[in-house]
Protein backbone atom coordinates (compact mmCIF):
# COMPACT_ATOMS: atom_id res chain seq x y z
CA UNK A 1 60.76 14.88 38.91
CA UNK A 2 62.08 13.05 35.88
CA UNK A 3 61.90 9.64 35.16
CA UNK A 4 63.22 6.66 37.33
CA UNK A 5 64.67 3.29 35.69
CA UNK A 6 67.00 0.48 37.13
CA UNK A 7 70.27 0.00 35.33
CA UNK A 8 72.68 -2.53 36.79
CA UNK A 9 70.83 -2.48 39.86
CA UNK A 10 71.75 1.55 40.05
CA UNK A 11 68.66 3.40 39.85
CA UNK A 12 69.23 7.07 38.14
CA UNK A 13 66.72 9.75 37.00
CA UNK A 14 66.44 11.10 33.46
CA UNK A 15 65.20 14.16 33.52
CA UNK A 16 61.48 14.63 31.80
CA UNK A 17 60.77 16.19 28.62
CA UNK A 18 58.98 19.47 28.56
CA UNK A 19 54.99 18.95 27.81
CA UNK A 20 53.73 19.58 24.38
CA UNK A 21 52.27 23.04 24.41
CA UNK A 22 49.05 22.17 22.15
CA UNK A 23 46.66 19.51 22.37
CA UNK A 24 47.69 18.50 18.75
CA UNK A 25 51.28 18.02 19.38
CA UNK A 26 50.30 15.04 22.35
CA UNK A 27 51.20 11.44 21.04
CA UNK A 28 51.27 8.48 23.23
CA UNK A 29 54.69 8.94 24.28
CA UNK A 30 53.80 12.73 24.82
CA UNK A 31 50.50 12.64 26.71
CA UNK A 32 49.21 15.56 28.64
CA UNK A 33 48.19 14.36 32.38
CA UNK A 34 44.72 15.33 33.92
CA UNK A 35 46.48 18.14 36.17
CA UNK A 36 47.46 19.82 32.94
CA UNK A 37 44.06 19.43 30.82
CA UNK A 38 41.40 20.55 33.36
CA UNK A 39 43.02 24.48 33.66
CA UNK A 40 43.14 24.55 30.06
CA UNK A 41 39.76 23.05 29.89
CA UNK A 42 38.94 25.51 32.55
CA UNK A 43 40.51 28.40 31.29
CA UNK A 44 38.37 28.07 27.66
CA UNK A 45 35.25 27.38 29.13
CA UNK A 46 35.59 30.89 31.12
CA UNK A 47 36.57 32.82 28.16
CA UNK A 48 32.89 32.03 27.34
CA UNK A 49 30.22 34.91 27.42
CA UNK A 50 26.78 34.28 29.95
CA UNK A 51 23.91 32.78 28.05
CA UNK A 52 20.53 32.85 28.51
CA UNK A 53 18.64 29.12 28.81
CA UNK A 54 15.51 28.12 29.39
CA UNK A 55 14.35 24.34 30.45
CA UNK A 56 12.38 22.79 32.47
CA UNK A 57 13.16 22.47 36.22
CA UNK A 58 14.15 18.95 37.87
CA UNK A 59 15.56 17.84 40.91
CA UNK A 60 15.34 21.53 42.79
CA UNK A 61 16.84 21.53 46.27
CA UNK A 62 18.32 24.10 48.26
CA UNK A 63 20.93 24.33 50.56
CA UNK A 64 21.80 27.59 52.64
CA UNK A 65 21.51 30.26 50.66
CA UNK A 66 22.29 27.95 47.41
CA UNK A 67 19.90 26.67 45.00
CA UNK A 68 20.74 23.37 43.02
CA UNK A 69 18.74 22.51 39.83
CA UNK A 70 18.96 20.43 37.11
CA UNK A 71 17.34 22.22 33.87
CA UNK A 72 15.65 19.78 31.37
CA UNK A 73 14.94 20.38 27.68
CA UNK A 74 11.67 19.48 27.03
CA UNK A 75 11.82 18.15 23.65
CA UNK A 76 14.88 15.77 24.03
CA UNK A 77 16.91 14.03 27.09
CA UNK A 78 19.27 16.75 27.97
CA UNK A 79 20.11 18.65 30.90
CA UNK A 80 22.63 20.90 32.72
CA UNK A 81 23.13 21.49 36.34
CA UNK A 82 22.42 25.30 37.22
CA UNK A 83 23.64 26.63 40.52
CA UNK A 84 21.88 30.22 41.89
CA UNK A 85 20.93 32.16 44.96
CA UNK A 86 18.12 31.24 47.22
CA UNK A 87 17.42 34.73 47.05
CA UNK A 88 16.79 34.70 43.32
CA UNK A 89 14.41 31.68 43.24
CA UNK A 90 12.47 32.50 46.04
CA UNK A 91 11.71 36.01 44.00
CA UNK A 92 9.85 33.82 41.90
CA UNK A 93 7.34 33.01 44.31
CA UNK A 94 5.83 29.42 45.73
CA UNK A 95 5.61 28.50 41.54
CA UNK A 96 8.92 27.06 41.16
CA UNK A 97 9.35 23.55 41.59
CA UNK A 98 9.71 20.81 39.82
CA UNK A 99 8.16 20.75 36.35
CA UNK A 100 8.48 24.89 36.16
CA UNK A 101 9.59 26.23 33.23
CA UNK A 102 12.52 28.93 33.92
CA UNK A 103 15.03 31.25 31.97
CA UNK A 104 18.19 32.00 33.44
CA UNK A 105 20.89 33.80 32.64
CA UNK A 106 24.34 31.70 33.31
CA UNK A 107 27.64 31.47 33.12
CA UNK A 108 29.45 28.08 32.55
CA UNK A 109 31.85 27.01 35.41
CA UNK A 110 34.27 23.77 35.17
CA UNK A 111 35.11 21.98 38.26
CA UNK A 112 38.53 20.83 38.47
CA UNK A 113 38.46 18.20 40.54
CA UNK A 114 35.10 16.68 39.72
CA UNK A 115 35.78 17.21 35.86
CA UNK A 116 32.15 18.41 35.38
CA UNK A 117 30.64 21.61 33.60
CA UNK A 118 27.76 23.75 35.61
CA UNK A 119 26.23 26.67 35.01
CA UNK A 120 25.94 29.59 37.61
CA UNK A 121 22.66 31.90 37.36
CA UNK A 122 22.79 35.26 38.66
CA UNK A 123 19.22 36.18 36.87
CA UNK A 124 16.01 33.63 36.81
CA UNK A 125 12.97 34.33 35.68
CA UNK A 126 10.05 31.79 35.41
CA UNK A 127 8.00 31.58 31.80
CA UNK A 128 4.71 33.12 32.06
CA UNK A 129 1.49 31.51 31.42
CA UNK A 130 0.97 33.66 27.98
CA UNK A 131 4.39 32.83 26.75
CA UNK A 132 3.89 29.26 27.14
CA UNK A 133 0.06 29.62 25.60
CA UNK A 134 1.86 31.45 22.50
CA UNK A 135 4.43 28.50 22.17
CA UNK A 136 1.76 25.77 22.20
CA UNK A 137 0.02 28.05 19.36
CA UNK A 138 2.83 28.04 17.06
CA UNK A 139 3.22 24.25 17.98
CA UNK A 140 -0.76 24.02 17.15
CA UNK A 141 -0.33 25.43 14.00
CA UNK A 142 2.89 23.66 12.65
CA UNK A 143 1.83 20.18 13.54
CA UNK A 144 -1.66 21.21 11.77
CA UNK A 145 0.46 22.21 8.55
CA UNK A 146 2.00 18.84 8.79
CA UNK A 147 -1.39 17.50 8.95
CA UNK A 148 -1.07 15.40 11.90
CA UNK A 149 -4.65 16.85 13.07
CA UNK A 150 -6.28 16.02 9.77
CA UNK A 151 -9.67 13.67 10.27
CA UNK A 152 -8.38 11.29 7.50
CA UNK A 153 -5.57 10.05 9.64
CA UNK A 154 -7.95 9.11 12.28
CA UNK A 155 -8.58 5.47 13.04
CA UNK A 156 -12.03 4.16 14.23
CA UNK A 157 -12.18 2.17 17.35
CA UNK A 158 -13.21 -1.41 17.44
CA UNK A 159 -16.52 -2.13 18.58
CA UNK A 160 -15.69 -4.56 20.86
CA UNK A 161 -11.90 -5.03 22.27
CA UNK A 162 -10.61 -7.85 23.87
CA UNK A 163 -7.75 -6.07 25.23
CA UNK A 164 -7.18 -2.35 26.27
CA UNK A 165 -4.19 -0.46 26.94
CA UNK A 166 -4.30 2.28 29.61
CA UNK A 167 -1.61 4.35 30.41
CA UNK A 168 -2.18 6.48 33.15
CA UNK A 169 -0.48 7.88 36.61
CA UNK A 170 1.07 5.40 39.22
CA UNK A 171 -0.97 6.92 41.49
CA UNK A 172 -5.08 8.43 41.05
CA UNK A 173 -8.17 8.00 40.23
CA UNK A 174 -7.86 7.88 36.41
CA UNK A 175 -7.17 4.01 36.13
CA UNK A 176 -9.70 3.43 38.65
CA UNK A 177 -12.11 5.26 36.71
CA UNK A 178 -11.24 4.00 33.48
CA UNK A 179 -11.28 0.40 34.50
CA UNK A 180 -14.26 -0.01 36.76
CA UNK A 181 -16.52 2.00 34.28
CA UNK A 182 -15.10 -0.47 31.87
CA UNK A 183 -15.99 -3.52 33.76
CA UNK A 184 -19.00 -2.30 34.74
CA UNK A 185 -20.19 -2.23 31.20
CA UNK A 186 -18.66 -5.38 29.97
CA UNK A 187 -17.25 -7.78 32.57
CA UNK A 188 -14.60 -9.56 29.65
CA UNK A 189 -12.96 -6.76 29.05
CA UNK A 190 -8.75 -6.93 29.91
CA UNK A 191 -6.57 -4.20 30.20
CA UNK A 192 -2.99 -3.96 29.95
CA UNK A 193 -2.01 -1.03 32.23
CA UNK A 194 1.41 0.94 32.54
CA UNK A 195 1.72 3.45 34.91
CA UNK A 196 3.86 6.27 34.31
CA UNK A 197 4.73 9.72 35.62
CA UNK A 198 2.16 12.16 34.25
CA UNK A 199 3.65 15.52 35.65
CA UNK A 200 6.60 16.94 35.49
CA UNK A 201 10.14 16.43 33.50
CA UNK A 202 9.74 12.83 33.20
CA UNK A 203 5.88 12.46 31.76
CA UNK A 204 7.01 13.16 28.12
CA UNK A 205 9.47 10.14 27.63
CA UNK A 206 7.56 8.11 30.32
CA UNK A 207 4.47 8.19 28.32
CA UNK A 208 6.14 8.13 25.39
CA UNK A 209 7.54 5.09 25.81
CA UNK A 210 4.36 3.24 27.19
CA UNK A 211 2.55 4.35 24.12
CA UNK A 212 5.30 2.99 22.05
CA UNK A 213 5.42 -0.69 24.14
CA UNK A 214 1.36 -0.98 24.17
CA UNK A 215 1.19 -0.23 20.52
CA UNK A 216 4.05 -3.23 19.52
CA UNK A 217 1.63 -5.61 21.32
CA UNK A 218 -0.70 -7.11 18.92
CA UNK A 219 -3.33 -8.19 21.15
CA UNK A 220 -3.93 -4.53 22.59
CA UNK A 221 -6.69 -2.91 20.20
CA UNK A 222 -7.31 0.53 21.51
CA UNK A 223 -5.00 2.84 24.09
CA UNK A 224 -6.36 5.13 26.45
CA UNK A 225 -4.27 7.94 27.52
CA UNK A 226 -5.63 8.84 31.30
CA UNK A 227 -4.66 11.57 33.78
CA UNK A 228 -7.86 13.03 34.87
CA UNK A 229 -7.30 17.11 34.60
CA UNK A 230 -5.30 19.42 36.23
CA UNK A 231 -3.61 22.68 36.23
CA UNK A 232 -2.37 24.40 32.95
CA UNK A 233 1.37 23.71 34.09
CA UNK A 234 0.53 20.07 35.11
CA UNK A 235 -0.71 19.28 31.42
CA UNK A 236 2.04 21.18 29.82
CA UNK A 237 3.70 17.70 28.88
CA UNK A 238 0.63 16.25 26.81
CA UNK A 239 1.27 19.53 24.49
CA UNK A 240 5.34 18.63 24.31
CA UNK A 241 5.87 17.97 20.35
CA UNK A 242 8.14 14.48 21.23
CA UNK A 243 4.97 13.01 22.64
CA UNK A 244 2.20 14.50 20.37
CA UNK A 245 4.84 12.97 17.01
CA UNK A 246 4.76 9.77 19.40
CA UNK A 247 1.06 9.54 19.40
CA UNK A 248 0.62 10.35 15.71
CA UNK A 249 2.92 7.46 15.06
CA UNK A 250 0.49 5.30 16.58
CA UNK A 251 -0.68 2.53 14.42
CA UNK A 252 -3.50 1.14 17.24
CA UNK A 253 -6.28 3.56 17.90
CA UNK A 254 -5.87 6.26 20.81
CA UNK A 255 -7.99 8.11 22.79
CA UNK A 256 -7.20 10.90 24.77
CA UNK A 257 -8.83 11.42 28.24
CA UNK A 258 -6.22 13.86 29.89
CA UNK A 259 -8.10 17.08 31.23
CA UNK A 260 -11.58 18.15 31.45
CA UNK A 261 -14.03 20.03 29.19
CA UNK A 262 -12.15 22.88 29.45
CA UNK A 263 -8.50 21.60 29.43
CA UNK A 264 -7.66 21.11 25.26
CA UNK A 265 -3.81 19.85 25.20
CA UNK A 266 -2.46 19.43 21.92
CA UNK A 267 -2.46 14.93 22.23
CA UNK A 268 -6.31 15.48 22.08
CA UNK A 269 -6.29 17.05 18.64
CA UNK A 270 -3.78 14.10 17.60
CA UNK A 271 -5.87 11.35 19.20
CA UNK A 272 -8.20 8.71 17.33
CA UNK A 273 -10.83 10.03 19.67
CA UNK A 274 -11.20 12.74 22.85
CA UNK A 275 -12.79 11.81 25.70
CA UNK A 276 -13.59 14.55 27.96
CA UNK A 277 -12.93 12.47 31.27
CA UNK A 278 -11.17 8.87 32.06
CA UNK A 279 -15.00 7.85 32.65
CA UNK A 280 -15.86 8.75 29.53
CA UNK A 281 -13.15 7.26 27.95
CA UNK A 282 -14.66 4.35 29.53
CA UNK A 283 -18.13 4.56 27.82
CA UNK A 284 -16.34 5.15 24.57
CA UNK A 285 -14.15 2.47 24.20
CA UNK A 286 -16.35 -0.63 25.41
CA UNK A 287 -20.08 -1.12 24.99
CA UNK A 288 -22.32 -1.47 27.44
CA UNK A 289 -23.42 -5.18 28.18
CA UNK A 290 -27.26 -3.79 29.27
CA UNK A 291 -27.35 -2.02 26.66
CA UNK A 292 -26.42 -4.22 24.15
CA UNK A 293 -28.80 -6.65 25.43
CA UNK A 294 -31.64 -4.22 25.15
CA UNK A 295 -30.74 -3.01 21.83
CA UNK A 296 -30.99 -7.26 20.85
CA UNK A 297 -34.01 -7.14 22.32
CA UNK A 298 -35.71 -4.37 20.17
CA UNK A 299 -34.41 -5.66 17.37
CA UNK A 300 -35.93 -9.09 17.90
CA UNK A 301 -38.82 -7.26 18.38
CA UNK A 302 -39.15 -5.15 15.36
CA UNK A 303 -37.79 -7.80 13.33
CA UNK A 304 -40.68 -10.07 14.51
CA UNK A 305 -43.13 -7.16 13.84
CA UNK A 306 -41.91 -6.41 10.62
CA UNK A 307 -41.76 -10.55 9.70
CA UNK A 308 -45.71 -11.16 11.02
CA UNK A 309 -46.63 -7.91 9.09
CA UNK A 310 -44.93 -9.45 5.55
CA UNK A 311 -46.77 -12.80 6.00
CA UNK A 312 -49.80 -10.82 6.74
CA UNK A 313 -49.33 -8.76 3.53
CA UNK A 314 -48.22 -11.67 1.16
CA UNK A 315 -51.13 -13.88 2.84
CA UNK A 316 -53.96 -11.39 1.95
CA UNK A 317 -52.19 -11.18 -1.42
CA UNK A 318 -52.35 -14.85 -1.88
CA UNK A 319 -56.20 -15.04 -0.95
CA UNK A 320 -57.03 -12.16 -3.15
CA UNK A 321 -55.34 -13.77 -5.98
CA UNK A 322 -56.60 -17.21 -5.47
CA UNK A 323 -60.25 -15.20 -5.31
CA UNK A 324 -59.88 -14.87 -8.65
CA UNK A 325 -61.68 -16.95 -11.60
CA UNK A 326 -58.70 -17.99 -13.07
CA UNK A 327 -57.43 -19.78 -9.87
CA UNK A 328 -61.19 -20.76 -8.72
CA UNK A 329 -61.39 -22.77 -11.67
CA UNK A 330 -57.97 -23.14 -13.83
CA UNK A 331 -59.30 -25.51 -16.61
CA UNK A 332 -61.04 -22.76 -18.03
CA UNK A 333 -57.79 -21.34 -19.40
CA UNK A 334 -57.20 -24.85 -21.47
CA UNK A 335 -60.88 -25.54 -22.09
CA UNK A 336 -61.12 -23.57 -25.36
CA UNK A 337 -57.30 -24.98 -26.34
CA UNK A 338 -58.56 -28.60 -25.53
CA UNK A 339 -61.63 -28.02 -28.02
CA UNK A 340 -59.57 -26.91 -30.35
CA UNK A 341 -56.93 -29.32 -30.15
CA UNK A 342 -59.63 -32.03 -30.55
CA UNK A 343 -61.05 -30.08 -33.35
CA UNK A 344 -57.47 -30.01 -35.25
CA UNK A 345 -56.87 -33.76 -34.28
CA UNK A 346 -60.25 -35.17 -35.72
CA UNK A 347 -59.32 -33.23 -38.95
CA UNK A 348 -56.18 -34.35 -39.45
CA UNK A 349 -57.45 -37.98 -38.66
CA UNK A 350 -59.74 -37.44 -41.41
CA UNK A 351 -57.25 -35.50 -44.02
CA UNK A 352 -54.88 -38.55 -42.95
CA UNK A 353 -57.83 -41.43 -43.71
CA UNK A 354 -58.72 -39.74 -47.13
CA UNK A 355 -54.82 -39.72 -48.18
CA UNK A 356 -54.43 -43.25 -47.51
CA UNK A 357 -57.37 -44.14 -49.35
CA UNK A 358 -56.84 -42.61 -52.32
CA UNK A 359 -52.90 -43.93 -52.06
CA UNK A 360 -54.70 -47.24 -51.78
CA UNK A 361 -56.70 -46.89 -54.92
CA UNK A 362 -53.61 -45.87 -56.98
CA UNK A 363 -51.45 -48.56 -55.82
CA UNK A 364 -54.14 -50.98 -56.83
CA UNK A 365 -54.34 -49.44 -60.22
CA UNK A 366 -50.56 -49.50 -60.47
CA UNK A 367 -50.26 -52.84 -59.55
CA UNK A 368 -52.83 -54.10 -62.31
CA UNK A 369 -50.94 -52.44 -64.97
CA UNK A 370 -47.48 -54.48 -63.65
CA UNK A 371 -49.49 -57.71 -63.53
CA UNK A 372 -50.40 -56.97 -67.21
CA UNK A 373 -47.41 -56.10 -67.85
CA UNK A 374 -45.81 -58.81 -66.42
CA UNK A 375 -44.49 -61.66 -68.53
CA UNK A 376 -45.78 -64.28 -65.66
CA UNK A 377 -49.64 -63.25 -66.76
CA UNK A 378 -48.30 -63.75 -70.61
CA UNK A 379 -47.89 -67.31 -69.32
CA UNK A 380 -51.15 -67.39 -67.52
CA UNK A 381 -52.90 -66.67 -70.54
CA UNK A 382 -51.46 -69.72 -72.28
CA UNK A 383 -48.22 -69.19 -73.80
CA UNK A 384 -44.94 -70.47 -73.16
CA UNK A 385 -41.11 -69.72 -73.56
CA UNK A 386 -38.94 -72.18 -75.08
CA UNK A 387 -35.19 -72.14 -74.68
CA UNK A 388 -31.86 -73.80 -75.37
CA UNK A 389 -30.16 -75.69 -73.29
CA UNK A 390 -27.50 -72.75 -72.75
CA UNK A 391 -30.56 -70.90 -71.49
CA UNK A 392 -30.84 -68.90 -74.69
CA UNK A 393 -34.67 -67.90 -76.02
CA UNK A 394 -35.83 -69.59 -79.47
CA UNK A 395 -37.39 -66.83 -81.34
CA UNK A 396 -37.17 -68.76 -84.81
CA UNK A 397 -37.40 -72.49 -85.83
CA UNK A 398 -34.17 -71.74 -87.44
CA UNK A 399 -32.02 -71.14 -84.64
CA UNK A 400 -32.34 -75.30 -83.53
CA UNK A 401 -31.68 -78.21 -84.96
CA UNK A 402 -33.29 -81.93 -84.71
CA UNK A 403 -32.06 -83.68 -81.42
CA UNK A 404 -31.75 -80.23 -79.66
CA UNK A 405 -32.72 -80.44 -76.34
CA UNK A 406 -35.06 -77.38 -75.35
CA UNK A 407 -36.82 -76.24 -72.33
CA UNK A 408 -40.62 -74.93 -72.24
CA UNK A 409 -41.62 -72.68 -69.48
CA UNK A 410 -45.13 -72.64 -68.79
CA UNK A 411 -47.59 -70.95 -65.96
CA UNK A 412 -47.05 -73.77 -63.86
CA UNK A 413 -43.58 -75.14 -64.52
CA UNK A 414 -41.30 -76.28 -67.10
CA UNK A 415 -41.26 -79.18 -69.71
CA UNK A 416 -38.13 -80.69 -71.20
CA UNK A 417 -38.35 -81.51 -75.25
CA UNK A 418 -36.12 -82.24 -77.79
CA UNK A 419 -36.68 -81.29 -81.69
CA UNK A 420 -37.91 -84.24 -84.22
CA UNK A 421 -38.10 -82.37 -86.81
CA UNK A 422 -38.14 -78.11 -88.22
């Protein structure tokens, strides 16, 4: 059919241009219709050879003689649809179901009407237990070489966490075992519980997301991942590389309580502490209040006994020292020194008095000499000093003239005189 257009009210049909032969030749004006593209995709897919594919079964459904299932990758969130005969699945036994690991030989098929891709399997094989163990052992060696299991990476659990994060099954005894035992030991402990799928294809992403969510909460001081045992196939998600690396990246101390004594998933190796059971995890995470009180009482008794013993020992030592003569008569130590100090003081006093007496005698002698040499002593013997009016001492009669006024100084004062003749 050509395109119809209106020209002056008259319809006319234009011939359609041929479709491009190659996808690279398509343009907005010359596109491929869906009916043209779908067969090309189907032809391309049909040319692909059959391929062996390994994955985990999800949503297995039987319809008459056909089985429909989703084959999911165990490490990343990717899946494909697979169809096979019910007889092929039945030959594998009752162990085939959600969570089982299969290897299928399938050819890709493109459905034109739905535009979807699926795989038709002509051979289905169940992955054996030995092969799974070998894969886990190989992953253990790889992660161990990276240092994820080193003791130096493991963090110490807090002594008394206020909030405990718990990752457990949506239905099961693990939650009850952890919560009841922990609160029985320490009633004040609080829990942040994340109920997830702990078995099957959805276990890895849900458990990893729960660990990351609890790790992001600052009030959560320790995280417990609990399951409570199961078959080897049931515990396979806890040996998944993605889940193990998510646990290794957790900054909050992590406790693994997945299996029982004989179960050893890789999560136990990367966790900061492995608990043999969920009940054991509760005992490891919080202390027992009764035991702690008993320890405190015992510590108080030991402290009191040690203090009493120390006081008794010091009292005995004090009495011993007090009984010694030096402490019984403390003055004995200073008596000899006192006598010596008194003797030295008396000697110093006598020496000082002798020195003072001798000095006094010397001073008296010097005073006599001074008095003998003093002009005042000469005046006392009757001599006088004659001075002119200007104060000059008269030593020669020629130094004065008749009528000059003179001052005559004697021992008891002065006299005024006048020269009458020379």
